[in-house]
């Protein structure tokens, strides 16, 4: 009997948690565990721990499978990462950082970087092929017009997977930060300035009042959103 200690972390965004059922399967070089339920309730920014009991040592853990299914209503879940402690003390890390929606199974590789030639196990080669096929399906290209650069073959961003779309939470935070920066520049006299700069030191005086000089440089080129 081999017992693996598993810790699953949920992202800290407001809507990252879920009340749907989540279970996990450990996949090692010598075999895989049975599907084990983690919990029916995940809270944002929290971790869940459990023990996965196997009839034999699975060897190095190379993959995990996260299974999600809804009991009544759909409730998407954002998994941050999973850590698996083997009986011999080895700790395996599986960075996930993606949304799981609907009834789905997501495979996550162990976090150490690997090239194609490093995939000795057949299960890793098959996983890489499935991942490549999924990305080719998600990122299809089309010609918008003759002579124009190619673009994604979708009519709306809402046709894209939620993990590809720009996060609504990040968008709100970004918008709020831009409003704050715009107000700072307005109060400092930058946006209403009609005369030329007298020196670089004068520009530094303006931008030193903001938190980030990179943002200030961006506003110098693109002040329109704040007018």
Protein backbone atom coordinates (compact mmCIF):
# COMPACT_ATOMS: atom_id res chain seq x y z
CA UNK A 1 0.00 0.00 0.00
CA UNK A 2 1.33 3.46 -0.96
CA UNK A 3 -0.23 6.67 0.32
CA UNK A 4 0.21 10.00 -1.46
CA UNK A 5 -0.54 13.34 0.21
CA UNK A 6 -2.26 15.70 -2.23
CA UNK A 7 -2.81 19.45 -1.75
CA UNK A 8 -5.03 21.34 -4.19
CA UNK A 9 -5.01 25.17 -4.25
CA UNK A 10 -7.82 27.35 -5.61
CA UNK A 11 -7.08 30.77 -7.12
CA UNK A 12 -7.75 33.83 -4.99
CA UNK A 13 -10.10 35.61 -7.44
CA UNK A 14 -13.62 36.31 -6.18
CA UNK A 15 -15.31 33.72 -8.45
CA UNK A 16 -12.52 31.12 -8.40
CA UNK A 17 -14.25 28.73 -6.00
CA UNK A 18 -16.86 26.13 -6.86
CA UNK A 19 -19.48 23.88 -5.29
CA UNK A 20 -19.17 21.31 -8.08
CA UNK A 21 -17.52 17.98 -7.44
CA UNK A 22 -13.76 17.73 -8.10
CA UNK A 23 -11.76 14.52 -8.10
CA UNK A 24 -8.20 13.58 -9.01
CA UNK A 25 -6.27 10.72 -10.60
CA UNK A 26 -2.52 10.36 -10.11
CA UNK A 27 -0.58 9.00 -13.08
CA UNK A 28 2.88 7.60 -12.43
CA UNK A 29 5.55 5.82 -14.47
CA UNK A 30 4.39 2.44 -13.11
CA UNK A 31 0.63 2.91 -13.06
CA UNK A 32 -2.16 5.20 -11.94
CA UNK A 33 -4.39 5.62 -8.92
CA UNK A 34 -8.14 5.27 -8.81
CA UNK A 35 -10.19 8.42 -9.22
CA UNK A 36 -10.48 10.01 -5.77
CA UNK A 37 -12.94 12.74 -4.82
CA UNK A 38 -11.28 15.81 -3.31
CA UNK A 39 -14.27 17.86 -2.21
CA UNK A 40 -17.64 19.30 -3.18
CA UNK A 41 -16.77 22.81 -1.99
CA UNK A 42 -13.76 24.95 -2.90
CA UNK A 43 -13.32 28.49 -1.57
CA UNK A 44 -11.22 31.20 -3.26
CA UNK A 45 -7.64 31.34 -2.04
CA UNK A 46 -7.98 28.15 0.02
CA UNK A 47 -6.31 24.74 -0.15
CA UNK A 48 -7.75 21.26 0.19
CA UNK A 49 -5.69 18.29 1.32
CA UNK A 50 -6.39 14.58 1.02
CA UNK A 51 -4.69 11.21 0.97
CA UNK A 52 -4.75 9.00 -2.10
CA UNK A 53 -4.24 5.32 -1.30
CA UNK A 54 -2.81 3.03 -3.99
CA UNK A 55 -2.22 -0.69 -4.01
CA UNK A 56 1.34 -0.19 -5.24
CA UNK A 57 4.02 2.45 -5.68
CA UNK A 58 3.20 4.49 -8.80
CA UNK A 59 6.80 5.56 -9.35
CA UNK A 60 7.55 9.15 -10.39
CA UNK A 61 4.27 11.06 -10.75
CA UNK A 62 4.25 12.50 -14.29
CA UNK A 63 0.62 13.58 -14.74
CA UNK A 64 -2.50 14.35 -12.78
CA UNK A 65 -6.06 14.31 -14.06
CA UNK A 66 -8.56 16.72 -12.54
CA UNK A 67 -12.17 15.67 -13.07
CA UNK A 68 -15.03 18.12 -12.65
CA UNK A 69 -18.74 17.47 -12.87
CA UNK A 70 -21.73 19.48 -11.73
CA UNK A 71 -24.30 18.26 -9.26
CA UNK A 72 -27.08 20.76 -10.03
CA UNK A 73 -25.84 24.08 -11.44
CA UNK A 74 -22.67 24.80 -13.37
CA UNK A 75 -20.04 26.57 -11.26
CA UNK A 76 -16.65 27.11 -12.91
CA UNK A 77 -13.51 26.50 -10.84
CA UNK A 78 -10.05 28.09 -11.15
CA UNK A 79 -7.34 25.67 -10.08
CA UNK A 80 -4.08 27.33 -9.07
CA UNK A 81 -1.85 24.28 -8.57
CA UNK A 82 -1.61 20.79 -7.14
CA UNK A 83 1.19 19.37 -5.00
CA UNK A 84 1.71 15.65 -4.50
CA UNK A 85 3.98 14.24 -1.79
CA UNK A 86 5.09 10.66 -2.51
CA UNK A 87 5.66 8.07 0.25
CA UNK A 88 9.44 8.49 -0.16
CA UNK A 89 9.15 12.24 0.53
CA UNK A 90 9.51 13.47 -3.05
CA UNK A 91 7.32 16.50 -3.74
CA UNK A 92 5.81 16.88 -7.22
CA UNK A 93 4.33 20.20 -8.30
CA UNK A 94 1.66 20.59 -10.98
CA UNK A 95 1.00 24.25 -11.93
CA UNK A 96 -2.49 24.48 -13.41
CA UNK A 97 -3.65 28.13 -13.44
CA UNK A 98 -6.73 27.58 -15.56
CA UNK A 99 -10.53 27.47 -15.41
CA UNK A 100 -12.39 24.18 -15.43
CA UNK A 101 -15.90 24.56 -16.82
CA UNK A 102 -18.74 22.11 -17.32
CA UNK A 103 -18.17 18.37 -17.11
CA UNK A 104 -14.52 18.04 -18.01
CA UNK A 105 -11.22 16.30 -17.36
CA UNK A 106 -7.98 18.25 -17.50
CA UNK A 107 -4.54 16.67 -17.60
CA UNK A 108 -1.64 18.60 -16.05
CA UNK A 109 2.01 17.65 -16.43
CA UNK A 110 4.56 17.79 -13.64
CA UNK A 111 6.06 21.27 -13.40
CA UNK A 112 9.67 20.62 -14.39
CA UNK A 113 10.45 21.80 -17.92
CA UNK A 114 10.72 19.06 -20.53
CA UNK A 115 11.50 19.01 -24.23
CA UNK A 116 9.98 16.62 -26.72
CA UNK A 117 13.06 14.38 -26.64
CA UNK A 118 12.73 14.11 -22.84
CA UNK A 119 9.37 12.35 -23.10
CA UNK A 120 10.42 8.72 -22.69
CA UNK A 121 7.07 7.41 -21.45
CA UNK A 122 4.37 6.71 -24.04
CA UNK A 123 1.73 8.36 -21.88
CA UNK A 124 3.68 11.65 -21.97
CA UNK A 125 4.09 11.44 -25.74
CA UNK A 126 0.34 10.91 -26.13
CA UNK A 127 -0.40 13.79 -23.77
CA UNK A 128 1.84 16.12 -25.79
CA UNK A 129 0.07 15.10 -29.02
CA UNK A 130 -3.37 15.74 -27.48
CA UNK A 131 -2.25 19.10 -26.15
CA UNK A 132 -0.89 20.11 -29.57
CA UNK A 133 -4.13 19.06 -31.29
CA UNK A 134 -6.18 21.06 -28.77
CA UNK A 135 -4.09 24.18 -29.33
CA UNK A 136 -4.35 23.81 -33.10
CA UNK A 137 -8.12 23.61 -32.74
CA UNK A 138 -8.26 26.64 -30.43
CA UNK A 139 -5.95 28.86 -32.49
CA UNK A 140 -7.26 28.58 -36.02
CA UNK A 141 -6.41 31.37 -38.43
CA UNK A 142 -8.31 33.12 -41.21
CA UNK A 143 -7.69 35.96 -43.66
CA UNK A 144 -9.57 39.07 -42.57
CA UNK A 145 -8.97 40.77 -45.92
CA UNK A 146 -6.58 40.48 -48.82
CA UNK A 147 -3.17 41.77 -47.81
CA UNK A 148 -4.05 42.04 -44.11
CA UNK A 149 -2.32 40.07 -41.33
CA UNK A 150 -3.99 36.78 -40.41
CA UNK A 151 -6.34 36.75 -37.42
CA UNK A 152 -8.14 34.22 -35.23
CA UNK A 153 -10.98 32.38 -36.94
CA UNK A 154 -13.71 33.57 -34.56
CA UNK A 155 -16.46 36.15 -34.86
CA UNK A 156 -16.38 37.13 -31.19
CA UNK A 157 -14.04 36.76 -28.24
CA UNK A 158 -16.85 34.93 -26.45
CA UNK A 159 -16.30 31.99 -28.82
CA UNK A 160 -12.87 31.51 -27.26
CA UNK A 161 -12.18 29.31 -24.27
CA UNK A 162 -12.33 31.27 -21.01
CA UNK A 163 -8.64 30.53 -20.41
CA UNK A 164 -7.79 32.34 -23.66
CA UNK A 165 -10.02 35.35 -23.08
CA UNK A 166 -8.63 38.28 -21.12
CA UNK A 167 -9.86 37.88 -17.54
CA UNK A 168 -12.80 40.16 -16.64
CA UNK A 169 -11.26 40.65 -13.21
CA UNK A 170 -7.92 41.66 -14.72
CA UNK A 171 -9.72 43.95 -17.15
CA UNK A 172 -11.57 45.68 -14.29
CA UNK A 173 -8.36 46.06 -12.29
CA UNK A 174 -6.54 47.40 -15.34
CA UNK A 175 -9.32 49.90 -16.07
CA UNK A 176 -9.33 51.10 -12.47
CA UNK A 177 -5.57 51.53 -12.50
CA UNK A 178 -5.74 53.53 -15.75
CA UNK A 179 -8.41 55.82 -14.28
CA UNK A 180 -6.22 56.38 -11.22
CA UNK A 181 -3.19 57.15 -13.39
CA UNK A 182 -5.24 59.46 -15.59
CA UNK A 183 -6.48 61.39 -12.56
CA UNK A 184 -2.91 61.66 -11.24
CA UNK A 185 -1.68 63.11 -14.53
CA UNK A 186 -4.64 65.46 -14.73
CA UNK A 187 -3.92 66.84 -11.25
CA UNK A 188 -0.22 67.19 -12.05
CA UNK A 189 -1.03 69.30 -15.10
CA UNK A 190 0.13 66.79 -17.69
CA UNK A 191 -3.07 66.29 -19.70
CA UNK A 192 -3.92 69.99 -20.07
CA UNK A 193 -0.39 71.11 -20.89
CA UNK A 194 -0.25 73.19 -24.09
CA UNK A 195 3.44 74.16 -24.07
CA UNK A 196 6.50 72.06 -24.88
CA UNK A 197 8.64 70.35 -22.30
CA UNK A 198 11.60 72.46 -21.23
CA UNK A 199 13.81 69.53 -20.22
CA UNK A 200 13.87 65.83 -19.42
CA UNK A 201 14.12 66.70 -15.75
CA UNK A 202 10.74 68.44 -16.00
CA UNK A 203 9.20 65.28 -17.49
CA UNK A 204 10.74 63.18 -14.72
CA UNK A 205 9.14 65.48 -12.15
CA UNK A 206 5.70 64.74 -13.61
CA UNK A 207 6.11 60.99 -13.94
CA UNK A 208 7.80 60.52 -10.57
CA UNK A 209 4.43 61.32 -8.98
CA UNK A 210 2.96 58.10 -10.38
CA UNK A 211 3.68 54.60 -9.21
CA UNK A 212 5.07 53.25 -12.47
CA UNK A 213 7.22 55.04 -15.03
CA UNK A 214 6.38 52.47 -17.68
CA UNK A 215 2.70 53.41 -17.41
CA UNK A 216 3.67 57.05 -17.55
CA UNK A 217 5.59 56.45 -20.75
CA UNK A 218 2.54 54.71 -22.20
CA UNK A 219 0.32 57.67 -21.30
CA UNK A 220 2.75 60.00 -23.03
CA UNK A 221 2.05 58.14 -26.27
CA UNK A 222 -1.64 57.33 -25.67
CA UNK A 223 -3.35 59.95 -23.48
CA UNK A 224 -6.70 59.69 -25.29
CA UNK A 225 -8.41 57.23 -22.86
CA UNK A 226 -8.20 59.83 -20.13
CA UNK A 227 -9.60 62.82 -22.02
